[in-house]
Amino acid sequence: MKRSAAVLVMLCLALLAQPARAITNVTPAPSVRDGHNDFNFLFGRWRTHYRRLRHVLAHDHHWYDCYGTSVVRPFWHNSGDLEDGDLRCPKQYVAGMTLRLYSATTHQWSLYWGTQKLGLVPPPQVGHFNAKGVGEFFADDTWHGRPIVVRYLWKLLPGDHPYFEQAFSADHGKTWETNWTTVYTRVSQ
C-alpha cells in the first residue's frame, strides 16, 4: 500500500508539472451528471486481449494480437483509479499504467497513460460517460509530427467485459481510424 501511495504522489506531482494544452473542439461539453463512479466496472484483476493496427494512419487493415494482465485499484472514494498492466505483443513487451482522475467541478475525467520505458505520456484524454454508459475522451496530440486528435472510447460489453478503443483523426474529428482495442476478462479473486 505504501508503494502505491508513493507512486500516486509522484504521478500527481508529474502531472502538475505538465504544461496546459488546449483541448480540441471535438471534446464533449462538460456534463452536469455526477460521474465519479463511472469507472467502477473496471476495478479488479483482468486478463486483457489487445488488437493493434500494424500501420497507423496509413490506410492499413492488418491487425495483430497482444495479451496481458491488468489490475485496477480505486482511490479518493472512486474519484480516481490507477491501472497497472502489461501487454505482450509478438515483437514487444510493454509495462504500462493509466491514471484516471475525476473533476467534481467539470464532471469530467482526465486519463493519463504511461509506460515504464517512456514515463508519463501527455496530454491527458478528457471527457465523460453519457447516460447510456459510453465514455468518450479526447486530446490534441501528434503522430510522427502530424497533428491529430486522439479519441478513447470506453464501454461495458455483455458478460462483464470492459472494452476500450483508441482512434486517431487527422481531419479534426471528421473521420476516425481505430488503431487499438482492448477487451478485459475478469480474473476470479
N, C-alpha and C. Protein backbone atom coordinates (compact mmCIF):
# COMPACT_ATOMS: atom_id res chain seq x y z
N MET A 1 0.82 -1.20 0.00
CA MET A 1 0.00 0.00 0.00
C MET A 1 0.87 1.26 0.00
N LYS A 2 1.98 1.25 0.79
CA LYS A 2 2.85 2.42 0.84
C LYS A 2 3.46 2.69 -0.53
N ARG A 3 3.83 1.61 -1.25
CA ARG A 3 4.42 1.78 -2.59
C ARG A 3 3.40 2.41 -3.53
N SER A 4 2.14 1.95 -3.48
CA SER A 4 1.09 2.51 -4.34
C SER A 4 0.87 3.98 -4.04
N ALA A 5 0.87 4.34 -2.76
CA ALA A 5 0.67 5.73 -2.37
C ALA A 5 1.83 6.60 -2.86
N ALA A 6 3.05 6.08 -2.77
CA ALA A 6 4.21 6.84 -3.23
C ALA A 6 4.16 7.04 -4.73
N VAL A 7 3.77 5.99 -5.46
CA VAL A 7 3.65 6.10 -6.92
C VAL A 7 2.59 7.13 -7.28
N LEU A 8 1.45 7.10 -6.60
CA LEU A 8 0.38 8.04 -6.86
C LEU A 8 0.83 9.48 -6.61
N VAL A 9 1.54 9.72 -5.53
CA VAL A 9 2.03 11.07 -5.22
C VAL A 9 3.00 11.54 -6.31
N MET A 10 3.91 10.65 -6.74
CA MET A 10 4.85 11.02 -7.79
C MET A 10 4.14 11.32 -9.10
N LEU A 11 3.12 10.53 -9.43
CA LEU A 11 2.37 10.78 -10.66
C LEU A 11 1.65 12.12 -10.61
N CYS A 12 1.01 12.40 -9.48
CA CYS A 12 0.29 13.68 -9.35
C CYS A 12 1.25 14.86 -9.46
N LEU A 13 2.43 14.75 -8.86
CA LEU A 13 3.41 15.83 -8.97
C LEU A 13 3.88 16.00 -10.41
N ALA A 14 4.08 14.89 -11.10
CA ALA A 14 4.49 14.96 -12.51
C ALA A 14 3.40 15.62 -13.36
N LEU A 15 2.16 15.34 -13.04
CA LEU A 15 1.05 15.92 -13.79
C LEU A 15 0.97 17.43 -13.59
N LEU A 16 1.21 17.86 -12.37
CA LEU A 16 1.17 19.29 -12.08
C LEU A 16 2.28 20.04 -12.82
N ALA A 17 3.38 19.35 -13.13
CA ALA A 17 4.49 19.99 -13.82
C ALA A 17 4.28 20.05 -15.33
N GLN A 18 3.24 19.41 -15.85
CA GLN A 18 2.99 19.39 -17.29
C GLN A 18 2.38 20.71 -17.73
N PRO A 19 2.79 21.23 -18.90
CA PRO A 19 2.17 22.45 -19.41
C PRO A 19 0.73 22.18 -19.83
N ALA A 20 -0.12 23.16 -19.67
CA ALA A 20 -1.52 23.02 -20.07
C ALA A 20 -1.60 23.00 -21.59
N ARG A 21 -2.52 22.20 -22.13
CA ARG A 21 -2.71 22.10 -23.57
C ARG A 21 -4.17 22.37 -23.88
N ALA A 22 -4.40 23.02 -24.98
CA ALA A 22 -5.78 23.27 -25.40
C ALA A 22 -6.40 21.97 -25.88
N ILE A 23 -7.63 21.75 -25.52
CA ILE A 23 -8.36 20.58 -25.96
C ILE A 23 -9.12 20.95 -27.23
N THR A 24 -9.14 20.03 -28.17
CA THR A 24 -9.77 20.25 -29.45
C THR A 24 -11.27 20.52 -29.31
N ASN A 25 -11.86 21.06 -30.35
CA ASN A 25 -13.28 21.38 -30.29
C ASN A 25 -14.18 20.15 -30.41
N VAL A 26 -13.61 18.94 -30.54
CA VAL A 26 -14.45 17.74 -30.56
C VAL A 26 -14.67 17.19 -29.15
N THR A 27 -14.09 17.82 -28.14
CA THR A 27 -14.29 17.39 -26.77
C THR A 27 -15.76 17.53 -26.38
N PRO A 28 -16.33 16.52 -25.71
CA PRO A 28 -17.71 16.67 -25.26
C PRO A 28 -17.85 17.84 -24.30
N ALA A 29 -18.97 18.50 -24.35
CA ALA A 29 -19.23 19.61 -23.42
C ALA A 29 -19.23 19.06 -22.00
N PRO A 30 -18.83 19.89 -21.03
CA PRO A 30 -18.89 19.43 -19.65
C PRO A 30 -20.28 18.91 -19.30
N SER A 31 -20.29 17.92 -18.45
CA SER A 31 -21.54 17.27 -18.06
C SER A 31 -22.01 17.81 -16.72
N VAL A 32 -23.29 17.75 -16.47
CA VAL A 32 -23.82 18.11 -15.16
C VAL A 32 -24.04 16.85 -14.33
N ARG A 33 -23.91 15.69 -14.97
CA ARG A 33 -24.14 14.40 -14.33
C ARG A 33 -22.93 14.04 -13.46
N ASP A 34 -23.18 13.59 -12.23
CA ASP A 34 -22.09 13.12 -11.36
C ASP A 34 -21.60 11.78 -11.88
N GLY A 35 -20.38 11.76 -12.40
CA GLY A 35 -19.84 10.55 -12.99
C GLY A 35 -18.67 9.96 -12.22
N HIS A 36 -18.54 10.29 -10.94
CA HIS A 36 -17.36 9.83 -10.21
C HIS A 36 -17.31 8.31 -10.04
N ASN A 37 -18.43 7.62 -10.23
CA ASN A 37 -18.45 6.15 -10.15
C ASN A 37 -18.40 5.48 -11.52
N ASP A 38 -18.23 6.24 -12.59
CA ASP A 38 -18.35 5.68 -13.94
C ASP A 38 -17.33 4.61 -14.28
N PHE A 39 -16.17 4.63 -13.67
CA PHE A 39 -15.17 3.60 -13.96
C PHE A 39 -15.18 2.45 -12.96
N ASN A 40 -16.18 2.40 -12.07
CA ASN A 40 -16.24 1.32 -11.08
C ASN A 40 -16.25 -0.06 -11.72
N PHE A 41 -16.84 -0.20 -12.90
CA PHE A 41 -16.91 -1.50 -13.57
C PHE A 41 -15.52 -2.06 -13.89
N LEU A 42 -14.49 -1.21 -13.83
CA LEU A 42 -13.14 -1.62 -14.21
C LEU A 42 -12.29 -2.06 -13.01
N PHE A 43 -12.78 -1.87 -11.79
CA PHE A 43 -11.99 -2.24 -10.62
C PHE A 43 -11.81 -3.75 -10.56
N GLY A 44 -10.58 -4.18 -10.25
CA GLY A 44 -10.31 -5.60 -10.09
C GLY A 44 -9.12 -6.06 -10.91
N ARG A 45 -9.03 -7.41 -11.06
CA ARG A 45 -7.93 -8.06 -11.79
C ARG A 45 -8.46 -8.59 -13.11
N TRP A 46 -7.66 -8.43 -14.18
CA TRP A 46 -8.13 -8.75 -15.54
C TRP A 46 -7.06 -9.46 -16.36
N ARG A 47 -7.53 -10.29 -17.29
CA ARG A 47 -6.74 -10.73 -18.44
C ARG A 47 -7.16 -9.82 -19.58
N THR A 48 -6.21 -9.40 -20.40
CA THR A 48 -6.52 -8.44 -21.46
C THR A 48 -6.12 -9.00 -22.82
N HIS A 49 -6.97 -8.71 -23.80
CA HIS A 49 -6.69 -9.07 -25.19
C HIS A 49 -6.69 -7.77 -25.99
N TYR A 50 -5.55 -7.45 -26.55
CA TYR A 50 -5.37 -6.23 -27.32
C TYR A 50 -5.32 -6.57 -28.81
N ARG A 51 -5.87 -5.70 -29.61
CA ARG A 51 -5.68 -5.75 -31.06
C ARG A 51 -5.12 -4.40 -31.46
N ARG A 52 -4.01 -4.42 -32.20
CA ARG A 52 -3.36 -3.18 -32.61
C ARG A 52 -3.20 -3.16 -34.12
N LEU A 53 -3.48 -2.00 -34.69
CA LEU A 53 -3.31 -1.82 -36.12
C LEU A 53 -1.82 -1.73 -36.43
N ARG A 54 -1.37 -2.49 -37.40
CA ARG A 54 0.06 -2.57 -37.71
C ARG A 54 0.64 -1.22 -38.13
N HIS A 55 -0.01 -0.51 -39.05
CA HIS A 55 0.48 0.78 -39.53
C HIS A 55 -0.63 1.83 -39.37
N VAL A 56 -0.42 2.74 -38.45
CA VAL A 56 -1.43 3.74 -38.09
C VAL A 56 -1.44 4.88 -39.11
N LEU A 57 -2.64 5.34 -39.45
CA LEU A 57 -2.87 6.43 -40.39
C LEU A 57 -2.19 6.20 -41.74
N ALA A 58 -2.22 4.94 -42.18
CA ALA A 58 -1.59 4.58 -43.45
C ALA A 58 -2.55 3.75 -44.31
N HIS A 59 -3.85 3.82 -44.03
CA HIS A 59 -4.86 3.05 -44.76
C HIS A 59 -4.57 1.55 -44.71
N ASP A 60 -4.03 1.10 -43.58
CA ASP A 60 -3.70 -0.30 -43.39
C ASP A 60 -4.87 -1.00 -42.71
N HIS A 61 -5.06 -2.27 -43.02
CA HIS A 61 -6.15 -3.04 -42.39
C HIS A 61 -5.61 -4.32 -41.76
N HIS A 62 -4.32 -4.35 -41.44
CA HIS A 62 -3.69 -5.52 -40.84
C HIS A 62 -3.52 -5.30 -39.35
N TRP A 63 -4.12 -6.18 -38.57
CA TRP A 63 -4.09 -6.09 -37.12
C TRP A 63 -3.24 -7.23 -36.56
N TYR A 64 -2.71 -7.03 -35.37
CA TYR A 64 -2.04 -8.11 -34.66
C TYR A 64 -2.54 -8.13 -33.22
N ASP A 65 -2.41 -9.29 -32.59
CA ASP A 65 -2.93 -9.52 -31.24
C ASP A 65 -1.82 -9.44 -30.21
N CYS A 66 -2.17 -8.92 -29.04
CA CYS A 66 -1.30 -8.90 -27.87
C CYS A 66 -2.15 -9.35 -26.68
N TYR A 67 -1.50 -9.84 -25.64
CA TYR A 67 -2.21 -10.32 -24.46
C TYR A 67 -1.50 -9.78 -23.23
N GLY A 68 -2.25 -9.63 -22.15
CA GLY A 68 -1.64 -9.11 -20.94
C GLY A 68 -2.51 -9.31 -19.73
N THR A 69 -2.14 -8.60 -18.68
CA THR A 69 -2.88 -8.60 -17.42
C THR A 69 -3.00 -7.17 -16.94
N SER A 70 -3.96 -6.95 -16.06
CA SER A 70 -4.19 -5.61 -15.56
C SER A 70 -4.83 -5.67 -14.18
N VAL A 71 -4.45 -4.74 -13.32
CA VAL A 71 -5.07 -4.58 -12.01
C VAL A 71 -5.48 -3.12 -11.89
N VAL A 72 -6.76 -2.88 -11.55
CA VAL A 72 -7.28 -1.52 -11.42
C VAL A 72 -7.74 -1.32 -9.98
N ARG A 73 -7.17 -0.29 -9.33
CA ARG A 73 -7.49 -0.01 -7.93
C ARG A 73 -8.02 1.42 -7.80
N PRO A 74 -9.13 1.59 -7.07
CA PRO A 74 -9.68 2.94 -6.87
C PRO A 74 -8.98 3.67 -5.73
N PHE A 75 -9.11 4.97 -5.73
CA PHE A 75 -8.71 5.82 -4.60
C PHE A 75 -9.63 7.04 -4.59
N TRP A 76 -9.52 7.88 -3.58
CA TRP A 76 -10.34 9.09 -3.41
C TRP A 76 -11.83 8.77 -3.54
N HIS A 77 -12.29 7.72 -2.87
CA HIS A 77 -13.71 7.35 -2.88
C HIS A 77 -14.26 7.22 -4.30
N ASN A 78 -13.50 6.55 -5.16
CA ASN A 78 -13.86 6.25 -6.56
C ASN A 78 -13.73 7.45 -7.49
N SER A 79 -13.15 8.55 -7.03
CA SER A 79 -12.94 9.70 -7.91
C SER A 79 -11.59 9.62 -8.62
N GLY A 80 -10.94 8.49 -8.49
CA GLY A 80 -9.69 8.23 -9.19
C GLY A 80 -9.40 6.75 -9.16
N ASP A 81 -8.62 6.30 -10.14
CA ASP A 81 -8.14 4.92 -10.11
C ASP A 81 -6.81 4.84 -10.81
N LEU A 82 -6.07 3.79 -10.47
CA LEU A 82 -4.77 3.53 -11.06
C LEU A 82 -4.80 2.12 -11.65
N GLU A 83 -4.50 2.03 -12.94
CA GLU A 83 -4.43 0.74 -13.62
C GLU A 83 -2.97 0.41 -13.88
N ASP A 84 -2.55 -0.76 -13.41
CA ASP A 84 -1.20 -1.25 -13.60
C ASP A 84 -1.30 -2.50 -14.46
N GLY A 85 -0.69 -2.47 -15.64
CA GLY A 85 -0.83 -3.62 -16.53
C GLY A 85 0.35 -3.81 -17.44
N ASP A 86 0.23 -4.85 -18.26
CA ASP A 86 1.27 -5.12 -19.23
C ASP A 86 0.62 -5.68 -20.49
N LEU A 87 1.37 -5.65 -21.58
CA LEU A 87 0.92 -6.31 -22.80
C LEU A 87 2.12 -6.95 -23.47
N ARG A 88 1.87 -8.18 -23.90
CA ARG A 88 2.89 -8.97 -24.59
C ARG A 88 2.46 -9.11 -26.04
N CYS A 89 3.25 -8.48 -26.90
CA CYS A 89 2.99 -8.50 -28.35
C CYS A 89 4.05 -9.36 -29.02
N PRO A 90 3.84 -9.70 -30.30
CA PRO A 90 4.82 -10.56 -30.98
C PRO A 90 6.26 -10.04 -30.91
N LYS A 91 6.46 -8.73 -31.01
CA LYS A 91 7.83 -8.19 -31.03
C LYS A 91 8.07 -7.13 -29.96
N GLN A 92 7.20 -7.09 -28.94
CA GLN A 92 7.31 -6.01 -27.97
C GLN A 92 6.65 -6.41 -26.66
N TYR A 93 7.25 -5.95 -25.55
CA TYR A 93 6.64 -6.07 -24.22
C TYR A 93 6.51 -4.66 -23.67
N VAL A 94 5.33 -4.33 -23.14
CA VAL A 94 5.08 -3.00 -22.59
C VAL A 94 4.55 -3.14 -21.17
N ALA A 95 5.22 -2.51 -20.21
CA ALA A 95 4.70 -2.36 -18.84
C ALA A 95 4.08 -0.98 -18.79
N GLY A 96 2.76 -0.92 -18.60
CA GLY A 96 2.07 0.35 -18.68
C GLY A 96 1.19 0.64 -17.48
N MET A 97 0.71 1.87 -17.44
CA MET A 97 -0.22 2.28 -16.39
C MET A 97 -1.13 3.37 -16.93
N THR A 98 -2.31 3.46 -16.33
CA THR A 98 -3.24 4.55 -16.61
C THR A 98 -3.70 5.13 -15.28
N LEU A 99 -3.64 6.44 -15.17
CA LEU A 99 -4.16 7.17 -14.02
C LEU A 99 -5.40 7.91 -14.49
N ARG A 100 -6.53 7.68 -13.82
CA ARG A 100 -7.78 8.34 -14.16
C ARG A 100 -8.21 9.21 -12.97
N LEU A 101 -8.45 10.49 -13.25
CA LEU A 101 -8.83 11.45 -12.20
C LEU A 101 -10.13 12.14 -12.59
N TYR A 102 -11.07 12.19 -11.64
CA TYR A 102 -12.38 12.81 -11.88
C TYR A 102 -12.42 14.20 -11.27
N SER A 103 -12.95 15.17 -12.02
CA SER A 103 -13.13 16.53 -11.52
C SER A 103 -14.59 16.72 -11.14
N ALA A 104 -14.84 16.96 -9.86
CA ALA A 104 -16.21 17.20 -9.40
C ALA A 104 -16.72 18.55 -9.90
N THR A 105 -15.83 19.44 -10.33
CA THR A 105 -16.22 20.75 -10.85
C THR A 105 -16.75 20.65 -12.27
N THR A 106 -16.01 19.98 -13.16
CA THR A 106 -16.43 19.89 -14.56
C THR A 106 -17.20 18.61 -14.86
N HIS A 107 -17.20 17.66 -13.91
CA HIS A 107 -17.83 16.34 -14.10
C HIS A 107 -17.18 15.59 -15.26
N GLN A 108 -15.87 15.82 -15.45
CA GLN A 108 -15.13 15.13 -16.49
C GLN A 108 -13.95 14.38 -15.89
N TRP A 109 -13.55 13.35 -16.61
CA TRP A 109 -12.38 12.56 -16.27
C TRP A 109 -11.19 13.01 -17.10
N SER A 110 -10.00 12.95 -16.50
CA SER A 110 -8.74 13.11 -17.22
C SER A 110 -8.00 11.79 -17.12
N LEU A 111 -7.62 11.23 -18.28
CA LEU A 111 -6.97 9.92 -18.34
C LEU A 111 -5.53 10.12 -18.79
N TYR A 112 -4.60 9.70 -17.94
CA TYR A 112 -3.17 9.83 -18.20
C TYR A 112 -2.59 8.43 -18.40
N TRP A 113 -1.82 8.25 -19.46
CA TRP A 113 -1.24 6.96 -19.78
C TRP A 113 0.27 7.07 -19.72
N GLY A 114 0.94 5.99 -19.35
CA GLY A 114 2.39 5.99 -19.32
C GLY A 114 2.93 4.57 -19.39
N THR A 115 4.23 4.48 -19.66
CA THR A 115 4.90 3.18 -19.68
C THR A 115 6.16 3.26 -18.85
N GLN A 116 6.64 2.09 -18.45
CA GLN A 116 7.87 2.05 -17.69
C GLN A 116 9.03 2.63 -18.51
N LYS A 117 9.02 2.41 -19.80
CA LYS A 117 10.09 2.89 -20.68
C LYS A 117 9.99 4.40 -20.93
N LEU A 118 8.78 4.91 -21.22
CA LEU A 118 8.60 6.31 -21.61
C LEU A 118 8.24 7.24 -20.47
N GLY A 119 7.76 6.69 -19.36
CA GLY A 119 7.24 7.53 -18.28
C GLY A 119 5.85 8.01 -18.63
N LEU A 120 5.41 9.10 -18.03
CA LEU A 120 4.10 9.67 -18.30
C LEU A 120 4.06 10.25 -19.70
N VAL A 121 3.02 9.91 -20.47
CA VAL A 121 2.92 10.36 -21.85
C VAL A 121 1.77 11.36 -21.98
N PRO A 122 2.06 12.67 -21.88
CA PRO A 122 0.98 13.65 -22.04
C PRO A 122 0.58 13.77 -23.50
N PRO A 123 -0.54 14.36 -23.82
CA PRO A 123 -1.50 15.01 -22.93
C PRO A 123 -2.55 14.02 -22.41
N PRO A 124 -3.31 14.42 -21.37
CA PRO A 124 -4.40 13.55 -20.92
C PRO A 124 -5.57 13.57 -21.90
N GLN A 125 -6.32 12.49 -21.89
CA GLN A 125 -7.60 12.43 -22.60
C GLN A 125 -8.64 12.98 -21.63
N VAL A 126 -9.53 13.85 -22.10
CA VAL A 126 -10.52 14.48 -21.22
C VAL A 126 -11.91 14.22 -21.77
N GLY A 127 -12.84 13.83 -20.90
CA GLY A 127 -14.21 13.59 -21.33
C GLY A 127 -15.03 12.97 -20.21
N HIS A 128 -16.15 12.36 -20.60
CA HIS A 128 -17.06 11.78 -19.61
C HIS A 128 -17.91 10.69 -20.26
N PHE A 129 -18.64 9.98 -19.41
CA PHE A 129 -19.58 8.97 -19.86
C PHE A 129 -20.94 9.60 -20.11
N ASN A 130 -21.66 9.10 -21.10
CA ASN A 130 -23.02 9.58 -21.32
C ASN A 130 -24.00 8.74 -20.50
N ALA A 131 -25.27 9.05 -20.59
CA ALA A 131 -26.30 8.36 -19.80
C ALA A 131 -26.43 6.89 -20.19
N LYS A 132 -25.95 6.50 -21.38
CA LYS A 132 -26.01 5.10 -21.83
C LYS A 132 -24.78 4.30 -21.40
N GLY A 133 -23.85 4.94 -20.67
CA GLY A 133 -22.69 4.23 -20.18
C GLY A 133 -21.51 4.16 -21.13
N VAL A 134 -21.49 5.01 -22.15
CA VAL A 134 -20.37 5.06 -23.09
C VAL A 134 -19.53 6.29 -22.78
N GLY A 135 -18.25 6.09 -22.57
CA GLY A 135 -17.35 7.19 -22.27
C GLY A 135 -16.53 7.58 -23.48
N GLU A 136 -16.45 8.88 -23.76
CA GLU A 136 -15.61 9.40 -24.83
C GLU A 136 -14.66 10.44 -24.24
N PHE A 137 -13.37 10.31 -24.62
CA PHE A 137 -12.31 11.14 -24.06
C PHE A 137 -11.40 11.56 -25.21
N PHE A 138 -11.03 12.85 -25.25
CA PHE A 138 -10.32 13.41 -26.39
C PHE A 138 -9.09 14.20 -25.97
N ALA A 139 -8.13 14.29 -26.88
CA ALA A 139 -6.96 15.17 -26.70
C ALA A 139 -6.34 15.48 -28.04
N ASP A 140 -5.80 16.68 -28.16
CA ASP A 140 -4.96 17.02 -29.30
C ASP A 140 -3.59 16.41 -29.05
N ASP A 141 -2.98 15.90 -30.11
CA ASP A 141 -1.68 15.26 -29.99
C ASP A 141 -0.99 15.31 -31.34
N THR A 142 0.10 14.60 -31.48
CA THR A 142 0.78 14.47 -32.77
C THR A 142 1.12 13.00 -32.99
N TRP A 143 1.20 12.60 -34.25
CA TRP A 143 1.64 11.27 -34.63
C TRP A 143 2.71 11.44 -35.71
N HIS A 144 3.95 11.10 -35.36
CA HIS A 144 5.09 11.28 -36.26
C HIS A 144 5.14 12.71 -36.81
N GLY A 145 4.94 13.69 -35.90
CA GLY A 145 5.00 15.09 -36.26
C GLY A 145 3.74 15.67 -36.88
N ARG A 146 2.75 14.84 -37.09
CA ARG A 146 1.49 15.26 -37.74
C ARG A 146 0.44 15.54 -36.66
N PRO A 147 -0.23 16.71 -36.68
CA PRO A 147 -1.25 16.98 -35.66
C PRO A 147 -2.45 16.05 -35.84
N ILE A 148 -2.91 15.51 -34.72
CA ILE A 148 -4.07 14.61 -34.73
C ILE A 148 -4.94 14.89 -33.52
N VAL A 149 -6.14 14.34 -33.54
CA VAL A 149 -6.99 14.27 -32.36
C VAL A 149 -7.06 12.80 -31.98
N VAL A 150 -6.91 12.51 -30.69
CA VAL A 150 -7.00 11.14 -30.19
C VAL A 150 -8.32 11.00 -29.45
N ARG A 151 -9.02 9.90 -29.71
CA ARG A 151 -10.27 9.61 -29.01
C ARG A 151 -10.14 8.26 -28.32
N TYR A 152 -10.47 8.25 -27.02
CA TYR A 152 -10.62 6.99 -26.28
C TYR A 152 -12.11 6.75 -26.12
N LEU A 153 -12.53 5.52 -26.30
CA LEU A 153 -13.92 5.13 -26.08
C LEU A 153 -13.93 3.99 -25.08
N TRP A 154 -14.77 4.09 -24.06
CA TRP A 154 -14.92 3.05 -23.03
C TRP A 154 -16.37 2.63 -22.96
N LYS A 155 -16.61 1.33 -22.83
CA LYS A 155 -17.97 0.83 -22.56
C LYS A 155 -17.86 -0.55 -21.96
N LEU A 156 -18.96 -1.02 -21.40
CA LEU A 156 -19.03 -2.35 -20.81
C LEU A 156 -19.81 -3.25 -21.74
N LEU A 157 -19.14 -4.28 -22.25
CA LEU A 157 -19.81 -5.25 -23.13
C LEU A 157 -20.56 -6.28 -22.29
N PRO A 158 -21.52 -6.98 -22.90
CA PRO A 158 -22.25 -8.03 -22.16
C PRO A 158 -21.29 -9.06 -21.57
N GLY A 159 -21.67 -9.60 -20.42
CA GLY A 159 -20.85 -10.61 -19.75
C GLY A 159 -19.74 -10.02 -18.92
N ASP A 160 -19.85 -8.73 -18.52
CA ASP A 160 -18.85 -8.08 -17.67
C ASP A 160 -17.49 -8.01 -18.35
N HIS A 161 -17.47 -7.54 -19.60
CA HIS A 161 -16.23 -7.38 -20.35
C HIS A 161 -16.04 -5.91 -20.71
N PRO A 162 -15.24 -5.17 -19.93
CA PRO A 162 -14.92 -3.80 -20.32
C PRO A 162 -14.24 -3.77 -21.69
N TYR A 163 -14.54 -2.74 -22.46
CA TYR A 163 -14.00 -2.59 -23.81
C TYR A 163 -13.42 -1.19 -23.95
N PHE A 164 -12.20 -1.12 -24.50
CA PHE A 164 -11.52 0.14 -24.74
C PHE A 164 -11.15 0.22 -26.22
N GLU A 165 -11.25 1.42 -26.76
CA GLU A 165 -10.89 1.63 -28.16
C GLU A 165 -10.17 2.97 -28.28
N GLN A 166 -9.07 2.98 -29.03
CA GLN A 166 -8.35 4.22 -29.33
C GLN A 166 -8.47 4.48 -30.83
N ALA A 167 -8.77 5.73 -31.20
CA ALA A 167 -8.86 6.11 -32.61
C ALA A 167 -8.16 7.44 -32.80
N PHE A 168 -7.59 7.64 -34.00
CA PHE A 168 -6.95 8.89 -34.37
C PHE A 168 -7.74 9.55 -35.49
N SER A 169 -7.74 10.88 -35.48
CA SER A 169 -8.32 11.66 -36.57
C SER A 169 -7.28 12.68 -37.02
N ALA A 170 -7.02 12.69 -38.32
CA ALA A 170 -6.09 13.68 -38.89
C ALA A 170 -6.83 14.85 -39.52
N ASP A 171 -8.19 14.84 -39.40
CA ASP A 171 -9.00 15.90 -40.01
C ASP A 171 -9.94 16.55 -38.98
N HIS A 172 -9.43 16.76 -37.77
CA HIS A 172 -10.15 17.47 -36.69
C HIS A 172 -11.45 16.78 -36.28
N GLY A 173 -11.50 15.45 -36.35
CA GLY A 173 -12.66 14.72 -35.87
C GLY A 173 -13.71 14.42 -36.91
N LYS A 174 -13.46 14.74 -38.18
CA LYS A 174 -14.45 14.41 -39.22
C LYS A 174 -14.48 12.92 -39.48
N THR A 175 -13.30 12.28 -39.53
CA THR A 175 -13.21 10.83 -39.71
C THR A 175 -12.25 10.27 -38.67
N TRP A 176 -12.46 9.00 -38.32
CA TRP A 176 -11.66 8.36 -37.29
C TRP A 176 -11.11 7.04 -37.80
N GLU A 177 -9.87 6.72 -37.42
CA GLU A 177 -9.29 5.41 -37.67
C GLU A 177 -8.99 4.75 -36.33
N THR A 178 -9.71 3.66 -36.03
CA THR A 178 -9.43 2.90 -34.82
C THR A 178 -8.12 2.15 -35.02
N ASN A 179 -7.24 2.24 -34.00
CA ASN A 179 -5.93 1.60 -34.14
C ASN A 179 -5.56 0.72 -32.95
N TRP A 180 -6.43 0.65 -31.95
CA TRP A 180 -6.12 -0.14 -30.75
C TRP A 180 -7.44 -0.49 -30.09
N THR A 181 -7.65 -1.75 -29.76
CA THR A 181 -8.82 -2.16 -28.97
C THR A 181 -8.35 -3.09 -27.86
N THR A 182 -9.10 -3.09 -26.77
CA THR A 182 -8.80 -3.98 -25.65
C THR A 182 -10.11 -4.52 -25.11
N VAL A 183 -10.15 -5.83 -24.89
CA VAL A 183 -11.27 -6.48 -24.21
C VAL A 183 -10.72 -7.08 -22.92
N TYR A 184 -11.37 -6.78 -21.81
CA TYR A 184 -10.96 -7.25 -20.49
C TYR A 184 -11.82 -8.45 -20.09
N THR A 185 -11.19 -9.46 -19.48
CA THR A 185 -11.90 -10.60 -18.91
C THR A 185 -11.50 -10.71 -17.45
N ARG A 186 -12.49 -10.67 -16.57
CA ARG A 186 -12.20 -10.66 -15.12
C ARG A 186 -11.54 -11.96 -14.67
N VAL A 187 -10.55 -11.81 -13.80
CA VAL A 187 -9.87 -12.97 -13.17
C VAL A 187 -10.50 -13.15 -11.80
N SER A 188 -10.93 -14.38 -11.49
CA SER A 188 -11.53 -14.60 -10.17
C SER A 188 -10.51 -14.37 -9.07
N GLN A 189 -10.99 -13.77 -8.01
CA GLN A 189 -10.11 -13.38 -6.89
C GLN A 189 -9.63 -14.55 -6.11
